[in-house]
Amino acid sequence: MQLQKDTIKTLCDHALKEYPFECCGIITGNKNNQTVHLCENIQNRLHAEDPAGYPRDARIAYTIERNEFDRVISGAKKKGEHIIAFYHSHPEHEAYFSEEDHAAQTVFGEPEFPDALQVVLSVISRRITDIKCYLWDRDVRMFRVLEECS
């Protein structure tokens, strides 16, 4: 599934608003009607509470609070919507899918939502410099970059 232009604009606006920290969120809906759920990145709070357990702050990591995640997912399921994508930004870094991103999106080597896009936005010097979409490849059991998101 491809992202609509207004969906991409919302992601870009969110990434710029949260800069220099990573933004994060979930996109639900269908091909013709997409909803962007701007989630709170609680990584700074986790890092402040337990720096040994969470050594990375929100400049290089993100965490969506589980209750917020569950609320968005269950709300979409009740409406009969698809989980289209998960997204986050990389401030001052390229739009690559890191080992941490892979680990966060998989459980026992498989993603919970294998058909959902993984969208990464690169924000360099307060400018969106790249957006890449990744999709789970069942044959090789890893996320592969797509040619385009929209």
N, C-alpha and C. Protein backbone atom coordinates (compact mmCIF):
# COMPACT_ATOMS: atom_id res chain seq x y z
N MET A 1 0.85 -1.18 0.00
CA MET A 1 0.00 0.00 0.00
C MET A 1 0.89 1.24 0.00
N GLN A 2 0.51 2.22 -0.77
CA GLN A 2 1.29 3.45 -0.86
C GLN A 2 0.68 4.52 0.03
N LEU A 3 1.54 5.43 0.45
CA LEU A 3 1.09 6.53 1.30
C LEU A 3 0.59 7.69 0.46
N GLN A 4 -0.47 8.32 0.92
CA GLN A 4 -1.03 9.48 0.24
C GLN A 4 -0.15 10.70 0.50
N LYS A 5 -0.21 11.67 -0.39
CA LYS A 5 0.63 12.87 -0.26
C LYS A 5 0.34 13.63 1.04
N ASP A 6 -0.92 13.73 1.44
CA ASP A 6 -1.23 14.44 2.69
C ASP A 6 -0.74 13.66 3.91
N THR A 7 -0.69 12.33 3.79
CA THR A 7 -0.13 11.51 4.87
C THR A 7 1.36 11.81 5.02
N ILE A 8 2.07 11.84 3.91
CA ILE A 8 3.51 12.13 3.94
C ILE A 8 3.76 13.53 4.49
N LYS A 9 2.93 14.50 4.12
CA LYS A 9 3.09 15.86 4.65
C LYS A 9 2.92 15.87 6.16
N THR A 10 1.95 15.12 6.67
CA THR A 10 1.74 15.05 8.12
C THR A 10 2.95 14.44 8.82
N LEU A 11 3.54 13.40 8.23
CA LEU A 11 4.74 12.79 8.80
C LEU A 11 5.90 13.79 8.84
N CYS A 12 6.07 14.51 7.74
CA CYS A 12 7.14 15.51 7.67
C CYS A 12 6.94 16.61 8.71
N ASP A 13 5.72 17.10 8.82
CA ASP A 13 5.41 18.14 9.82
C ASP A 13 5.70 17.63 11.23
N HIS A 14 5.34 16.39 11.52
CA HIS A 14 5.58 15.80 12.84
C HIS A 14 7.09 15.69 13.11
N ALA A 15 7.84 15.23 12.11
CA ALA A 15 9.29 15.08 12.28
C ALA A 15 9.96 16.43 12.54
N LEU A 16 9.52 17.46 11.84
CA LEU A 16 10.11 18.80 12.03
C LEU A 16 9.72 19.38 13.38
N LYS A 17 8.49 19.13 13.81
CA LYS A 17 8.03 19.65 15.11
C LYS A 17 8.81 19.03 16.26
N GLU A 18 9.10 17.73 16.17
CA GLU A 18 9.77 17.03 17.26
C GLU A 18 11.30 17.18 17.23
N TYR A 19 11.85 17.62 16.12
CA TYR A 19 13.29 17.80 15.98
C TYR A 19 13.83 18.65 17.13
N PRO A 20 14.92 18.31 17.78
CA PRO A 20 15.97 17.36 17.40
C PRO A 20 15.75 15.94 17.92
N PHE A 21 14.53 15.65 18.35
CA PHE A 21 14.21 14.30 18.83
C PHE A 21 13.50 13.52 17.74
N GLU A 22 13.52 12.19 17.89
CA GLU A 22 12.81 11.34 16.95
C GLU A 22 11.30 11.46 17.19
N CYS A 23 10.56 11.54 16.10
CA CYS A 23 9.11 11.45 16.20
C CYS A 23 8.73 10.00 15.93
N CYS A 24 7.50 9.64 16.24
CA CYS A 24 7.05 8.28 15.97
C CYS A 24 5.53 8.26 15.88
N GLY A 25 5.02 7.27 15.19
CA GLY A 25 3.58 7.15 15.08
C GLY A 25 3.15 5.96 14.24
N ILE A 26 1.85 5.90 14.04
CA ILE A 26 1.22 4.78 13.36
C ILE A 26 0.24 5.33 12.33
N ILE A 27 0.18 4.69 11.18
CA ILE A 27 -0.76 5.08 10.12
C ILE A 27 -1.76 3.93 9.95
N THR A 28 -3.05 4.27 10.05
CA THR A 28 -4.11 3.27 9.89
C THR A 28 -5.04 3.70 8.77
N GLY A 29 -5.91 2.79 8.35
CA GLY A 29 -6.91 3.13 7.35
C GLY A 29 -6.90 2.16 6.20
N ASN A 30 -7.03 2.75 5.00
CA ASN A 30 -7.03 1.95 3.78
C ASN A 30 -6.42 2.79 2.66
N LYS A 31 -6.48 2.28 1.44
CA LYS A 31 -5.83 2.97 0.31
C LYS A 31 -6.34 4.39 0.13
N ASN A 32 -7.64 4.61 0.35
CA ASN A 32 -8.24 5.91 0.08
C ASN A 32 -8.41 6.81 1.29
N ASN A 33 -8.28 6.25 2.49
CA ASN A 33 -8.51 7.04 3.71
C ASN A 33 -7.48 6.63 4.76
N GLN A 34 -6.46 7.47 4.92
CA GLN A 34 -5.38 7.16 5.84
C GLN A 34 -5.41 8.13 7.02
N THR A 35 -5.20 7.58 8.23
CA THR A 35 -5.15 8.39 9.45
C THR A 35 -3.77 8.26 10.06
N VAL A 36 -3.15 9.40 10.34
CA VAL A 36 -1.84 9.41 10.99
C VAL A 36 -2.07 9.63 12.48
N HIS A 37 -1.57 8.72 13.29
CA HIS A 37 -1.66 8.83 14.74
C HIS A 37 -0.29 9.29 15.24
N LEU A 38 -0.21 10.56 15.64
CA LEU A 38 1.04 11.11 16.16
C LEU A 38 1.23 10.60 17.57
N CYS A 39 2.19 9.73 17.77
CA CYS A 39 2.41 9.14 19.08
C CYS A 39 3.49 9.92 19.83
N GLU A 40 3.43 9.82 21.14
CA GLU A 40 4.44 10.46 21.98
C GLU A 40 5.65 9.54 22.08
N ASN A 41 6.83 10.11 21.87
CA ASN A 41 8.08 9.38 22.06
C ASN A 41 8.46 9.51 23.53
N ILE A 42 8.35 8.41 24.27
CA ILE A 42 8.63 8.46 25.71
C ILE A 42 10.07 8.08 26.05
N GLN A 43 10.93 8.04 25.04
CA GLN A 43 12.31 7.60 25.25
C GLN A 43 13.07 8.49 26.24
N ASN A 44 12.87 9.82 26.19
CA ASN A 44 13.57 10.69 27.14
C ASN A 44 13.15 10.38 28.58
N ARG A 45 11.87 10.12 28.78
CA ARG A 45 11.38 9.79 30.12
C ARG A 45 11.99 8.47 30.61
N LEU A 46 12.01 7.47 29.73
CA LEU A 46 12.60 6.18 30.09
C LEU A 46 14.09 6.33 30.42
N HIS A 47 14.78 7.12 29.62
CA HIS A 47 16.21 7.34 29.83
C HIS A 47 16.46 8.06 31.16
N ALA A 48 15.63 9.04 31.47
CA ALA A 48 15.79 9.79 32.73
C ALA A 48 15.53 8.90 33.94
N GLU A 49 14.54 8.03 33.83
CA GLU A 49 14.18 7.14 34.95
C GLU A 49 15.16 5.99 35.14
N ASP A 50 15.75 5.51 34.03
CA ASP A 50 16.63 4.34 34.11
C ASP A 50 17.70 4.43 33.02
N PRO A 51 18.72 5.30 33.23
CA PRO A 51 19.74 5.48 32.18
C PRO A 51 20.53 4.21 31.86
N ALA A 52 20.67 3.32 32.82
CA ALA A 52 21.38 2.06 32.54
C ALA A 52 20.54 1.14 31.66
N GLY A 53 19.26 1.07 31.94
CA GLY A 53 18.35 0.23 31.16
C GLY A 53 18.00 0.83 29.82
N TYR A 54 17.99 2.16 29.74
CA TYR A 54 17.67 2.88 28.51
C TYR A 54 18.78 3.89 28.24
N PRO A 55 19.93 3.43 27.75
CA PRO A 55 21.07 4.34 27.57
C PRO A 55 20.90 5.37 26.46
N ARG A 56 19.98 5.15 25.56
CA ARG A 56 19.77 6.08 24.44
C ARG A 56 18.62 7.02 24.76
N ASP A 57 18.80 8.31 24.42
CA ASP A 57 17.71 9.26 24.61
C ASP A 57 16.95 9.43 23.30
N ALA A 58 15.99 10.35 23.28
CA ALA A 58 15.09 10.51 22.13
C ALA A 58 15.75 11.13 20.90
N ARG A 59 17.01 11.54 21.01
CA ARG A 59 17.72 12.02 19.82
C ARG A 59 18.10 10.86 18.91
N ILE A 60 18.20 9.64 19.51
CA ILE A 60 18.62 8.48 18.70
C ILE A 60 17.77 7.24 18.95
N ALA A 61 16.61 7.42 19.57
CA ALA A 61 15.74 6.27 19.82
C ALA A 61 14.31 6.74 20.04
N TYR A 62 13.39 5.81 19.92
CA TYR A 62 11.99 6.13 20.22
C TYR A 62 11.33 4.93 20.87
N THR A 63 10.34 5.23 21.68
CA THR A 63 9.48 4.21 22.27
C THR A 63 8.08 4.79 22.34
N ILE A 64 7.11 4.05 21.85
CA ILE A 64 5.71 4.41 21.98
C ILE A 64 5.18 3.70 23.23
N GLU A 65 4.53 4.44 24.10
CA GLU A 65 3.98 3.82 25.30
C GLU A 65 3.01 2.72 24.89
N ARG A 66 3.10 1.57 25.55
CA ARG A 66 2.32 0.39 25.15
C ARG A 66 0.81 0.65 25.17
N ASN A 67 0.31 1.41 26.16
CA ASN A 67 -1.13 1.70 26.21
C ASN A 67 -1.57 2.51 25.00
N GLU A 68 -0.75 3.48 24.60
CA GLU A 68 -1.08 4.29 23.42
C GLU A 68 -1.05 3.41 22.17
N PHE A 69 -0.04 2.57 22.04
CA PHE A 69 0.08 1.65 20.92
C PHE A 69 -1.16 0.75 20.83
N ASP A 70 -1.51 0.12 21.96
CA ASP A 70 -2.66 -0.78 21.99
C ASP A 70 -3.96 -0.07 21.65
N ARG A 71 -4.12 1.18 22.12
CA ARG A 71 -5.33 1.95 21.85
C ARG A 71 -5.47 2.21 20.35
N VAL A 72 -4.38 2.60 19.70
CA VAL A 72 -4.43 2.87 18.25
C VAL A 72 -4.74 1.60 17.47
N ILE A 73 -4.05 0.52 17.81
CA ILE A 73 -4.25 -0.75 17.08
C ILE A 73 -5.66 -1.28 17.28
N SER A 74 -6.15 -1.30 18.53
CA SER A 74 -7.50 -1.83 18.78
C SER A 74 -8.56 -0.93 18.15
N GLY A 75 -8.34 0.37 18.15
CA GLY A 75 -9.29 1.29 17.51
C GLY A 75 -9.38 1.04 16.01
N ALA A 76 -8.25 0.79 15.38
CA ALA A 76 -8.24 0.50 13.94
C ALA A 76 -8.96 -0.81 13.66
N LYS A 77 -8.69 -1.82 14.47
CA LYS A 77 -9.34 -3.12 14.26
C LYS A 77 -10.85 -3.02 14.41
N LYS A 78 -11.32 -2.26 15.41
CA LYS A 78 -12.76 -2.08 15.61
C LYS A 78 -13.42 -1.42 14.41
N LYS A 79 -12.70 -0.53 13.73
CA LYS A 79 -13.23 0.17 12.56
C LYS A 79 -13.04 -0.63 11.28
N GLY A 80 -12.37 -1.78 11.37
CA GLY A 80 -12.10 -2.58 10.18
C GLY A 80 -10.99 -2.00 9.32
N GLU A 81 -10.11 -1.20 9.92
CA GLU A 81 -9.02 -0.57 9.19
C GLU A 81 -7.77 -1.44 9.23
N HIS A 82 -6.88 -1.16 8.30
CA HIS A 82 -5.59 -1.84 8.25
C HIS A 82 -4.56 -1.04 9.04
N ILE A 83 -3.54 -1.73 9.51
CA ILE A 83 -2.35 -1.06 10.04
C ILE A 83 -1.46 -0.85 8.83
N ILE A 84 -1.43 0.37 8.32
CA ILE A 84 -0.72 0.66 7.07
C ILE A 84 0.78 0.79 7.30
N ALA A 85 1.16 1.50 8.37
CA ALA A 85 2.59 1.76 8.56
C ALA A 85 2.89 2.20 9.98
N PHE A 86 4.14 2.03 10.34
CA PHE A 86 4.73 2.60 11.53
C PHE A 86 5.81 3.55 11.03
N TYR A 87 5.98 4.68 11.70
CA TYR A 87 6.99 5.62 11.21
C TYR A 87 7.78 6.22 12.37
N HIS A 88 8.97 6.68 12.04
CA HIS A 88 9.79 7.45 12.97
C HIS A 88 10.82 8.24 12.17
N SER A 89 11.43 9.20 12.83
CA SER A 89 12.43 10.02 12.17
C SER A 89 13.82 9.71 12.70
N HIS A 90 14.81 10.08 11.91
CA HIS A 90 16.22 9.99 12.29
C HIS A 90 16.82 11.39 12.21
N PRO A 91 16.79 12.14 13.32
CA PRO A 91 17.42 13.47 13.31
C PRO A 91 18.93 13.38 13.10
N GLU A 92 19.42 14.13 12.15
CA GLU A 92 20.85 14.22 11.82
C GLU A 92 21.44 12.88 11.38
N HIS A 93 20.58 12.02 10.84
CA HIS A 93 21.04 10.73 10.31
C HIS A 93 20.22 10.40 9.06
N GLU A 94 20.73 9.47 8.30
CA GLU A 94 20.06 9.04 7.08
C GLU A 94 18.79 8.23 7.40
N ALA A 95 17.99 7.99 6.38
CA ALA A 95 16.73 7.25 6.53
C ALA A 95 16.96 5.76 6.33
N TYR A 96 17.80 5.18 7.17
CA TYR A 96 18.10 3.76 7.08
C TYR A 96 17.28 2.99 8.13
N PHE A 97 17.14 1.70 7.93
CA PHE A 97 16.43 0.85 8.88
C PHE A 97 17.48 0.15 9.72
N SER A 98 17.66 0.63 10.94
CA SER A 98 18.75 0.18 11.79
C SER A 98 18.49 -1.19 12.42
N GLU A 99 19.53 -1.74 13.03
CA GLU A 99 19.37 -2.99 13.77
C GLU A 99 18.38 -2.82 14.91
N GLU A 100 18.41 -1.65 15.56
CA GLU A 100 17.45 -1.36 16.64
C GLU A 100 16.03 -1.30 16.10
N ASP A 101 15.87 -0.69 14.91
CA ASP A 101 14.54 -0.64 14.28
C ASP A 101 14.04 -2.06 13.99
N HIS A 102 14.91 -2.88 13.45
CA HIS A 102 14.55 -4.26 13.13
C HIS A 102 14.14 -5.00 14.41
N ALA A 103 14.93 -4.86 15.46
CA ALA A 103 14.64 -5.54 16.73
C ALA A 103 13.32 -5.07 17.32
N ALA A 104 13.03 -3.76 17.21
CA ALA A 104 11.80 -3.21 17.77
C ALA A 104 10.56 -3.70 17.02
N GLN A 105 10.71 -4.02 15.76
CA GLN A 105 9.56 -4.41 14.94
C GLN A 105 9.38 -5.91 14.81
N THR A 106 10.25 -6.68 15.41
CA THR A 106 10.12 -8.14 15.30
C THR A 106 10.08 -8.79 16.69
N VAL A 107 9.36 -9.88 16.76
CA VAL A 107 9.30 -10.69 17.97
C VAL A 107 9.61 -12.12 17.53
N PHE A 108 10.62 -12.71 18.12
CA PHE A 108 11.05 -14.05 17.73
C PHE A 108 11.35 -14.12 16.23
N GLY A 109 11.94 -13.02 15.70
CA GLY A 109 12.38 -12.99 14.31
C GLY A 109 11.31 -12.66 13.29
N GLU A 110 10.08 -12.40 13.72
CA GLU A 110 8.98 -12.09 12.79
C GLU A 110 8.27 -10.81 13.25
N PRO A 111 7.86 -9.96 12.32
CA PRO A 111 7.10 -8.77 12.71
C PRO A 111 5.66 -9.12 13.08
N GLU A 112 5.12 -8.41 14.04
CA GLU A 112 3.72 -8.60 14.42
C GLU A 112 2.78 -8.18 13.29
N PHE A 113 3.23 -7.17 12.51
CA PHE A 113 2.43 -6.66 11.39
C PHE A 113 3.29 -6.73 10.12
N PRO A 114 3.41 -7.92 9.53
CA PRO A 114 4.33 -8.09 8.39
C PRO A 114 3.95 -7.32 7.13
N ASP A 115 2.70 -6.92 7.01
CA ASP A 115 2.28 -6.19 5.82
C ASP A 115 2.34 -4.67 5.99
N ALA A 116 2.70 -4.20 7.18
CA ALA A 116 2.79 -2.77 7.44
C ALA A 116 4.12 -2.22 6.95
N LEU A 117 4.06 -1.06 6.34
CA LEU A 117 5.29 -0.36 5.95
C LEU A 117 6.01 0.13 7.20
N GLN A 118 7.31 0.27 7.08
CA GLN A 118 8.14 0.91 8.10
C GLN A 118 8.72 2.15 7.42
N VAL A 119 8.32 3.32 7.88
CA VAL A 119 8.71 4.57 7.23
C VAL A 119 9.74 5.28 8.11
N VAL A 120 10.85 5.67 7.49
CA VAL A 120 11.90 6.39 8.21
C VAL A 120 12.17 7.70 7.48
N LEU A 121 12.12 8.79 8.24
CA LEU A 121 12.37 10.12 7.69
C LEU A 121 13.72 10.63 8.19
N SER A 122 14.54 11.10 7.28
CA SER A 122 15.81 11.71 7.65
C SER A 122 15.59 13.22 7.80
N VAL A 123 16.02 13.76 8.95
CA VAL A 123 15.91 15.20 9.19
C VAL A 123 17.31 15.72 9.49
N ILE A 124 17.85 16.50 8.56
CA ILE A 124 19.18 17.07 8.70
C ILE A 124 19.05 18.59 8.75
N SER A 125 19.57 19.19 9.80
CA SER A 125 19.54 20.65 9.95
C SER A 125 18.13 21.21 9.75
N ARG A 126 17.18 20.58 10.42
CA ARG A 126 15.77 21.01 10.38
C ARG A 126 15.13 20.93 8.99
N ARG A 127 15.64 20.04 8.14
CA ARG A 127 15.06 19.82 6.81
C ARG A 127 14.86 18.33 6.59
N ILE A 128 13.74 17.96 6.01
CA ILE A 128 13.52 16.57 5.61
C ILE A 128 14.38 16.33 4.38
N THR A 129 15.35 15.44 4.49
CA THR A 129 16.25 15.18 3.37
C THR A 129 15.96 13.88 2.64
N ASP A 130 15.20 12.99 3.28
CA ASP A 130 14.89 11.71 2.64
C ASP A 130 13.77 11.02 3.41
N ILE A 131 12.99 10.24 2.70
CA ILE A 131 11.97 9.39 3.30
C ILE A 131 12.09 8.03 2.60
N LYS A 132 12.22 7.00 3.41
CA LYS A 132 12.29 5.66 2.84
C LYS A 132 11.27 4.77 3.51
N CYS A 133 10.70 3.87 2.71
CA CYS A 133 9.75 2.88 3.20
C CYS A 133 10.38 1.49 3.09
N TYR A 134 10.16 0.73 4.12
CA TYR A 134 10.68 -0.63 4.18
C TYR A 134 9.50 -1.58 4.37
N LEU A 135 9.62 -2.77 3.80
CA LEU A 135 8.57 -3.77 3.92
C LEU A 135 9.21 -5.13 4.20
N TRP A 136 8.54 -5.92 5.03
CA TRP A 136 9.04 -7.24 5.41
C TRP A 136 9.06 -8.16 4.20
N ASP A 137 10.18 -8.78 3.97
CA ASP A 137 10.34 -9.77 2.90
C ASP A 137 10.35 -11.15 3.56
N ARG A 138 9.26 -11.88 3.40
CA ARG A 138 9.11 -13.18 4.06
C ARG A 138 10.16 -14.20 3.62
N ASP A 139 10.60 -14.09 2.36
CA ASP A 139 11.56 -15.06 1.84
C ASP A 139 12.92 -14.96 2.51
N VAL A 140 13.38 -13.74 2.74
CA VAL A 140 14.71 -13.56 3.34
C VAL A 140 14.63 -13.15 4.81
N ARG A 141 13.40 -12.96 5.30
CA ARG A 141 13.15 -12.65 6.72
C ARG A 141 13.88 -11.39 7.18
N MET A 142 13.70 -10.33 6.38
CA MET A 142 14.25 -9.04 6.75
C MET A 142 13.46 -7.93 6.05
N PHE A 143 13.66 -6.70 6.50
CA PHE A 143 13.00 -5.56 5.89
C PHE A 143 13.81 -5.09 4.69
N ARG A 144 13.12 -4.87 3.59
CA ARG A 144 13.74 -4.40 2.34
C ARG A 144 13.21 -3.02 2.00
N VAL A 145 14.10 -2.16 1.50
CA VAL A 145 13.68 -0.81 1.10
C VAL A 145 12.85 -0.91 -0.18
N LEU A 146 11.81 -0.10 -0.26
CA LEU A 146 10.98 -0.01 -1.46
C LEU A 146 11.48 1.13 -2.34
N GLU A 147 11.17 1.06 -3.59
CA GLU A 147 11.61 2.12 -4.51
C GLU A 147 10.99 3.48 -4.16
N GLU A 148 9.72 3.46 -3.77
CA GLU A 148 9.06 4.71 -3.37
C GLU A 148 7.95 4.44 -2.39
N CYS A 149 7.57 5.51 -1.65
CA CYS A 149 6.53 5.38 -0.63
C CYS A 149 5.16 5.81 -1.14
N SER A 150 5.16 6.67 -2.14
CA SER A 150 3.87 7.20 -2.60
C SER A 150 3.73 7.09 -4.10
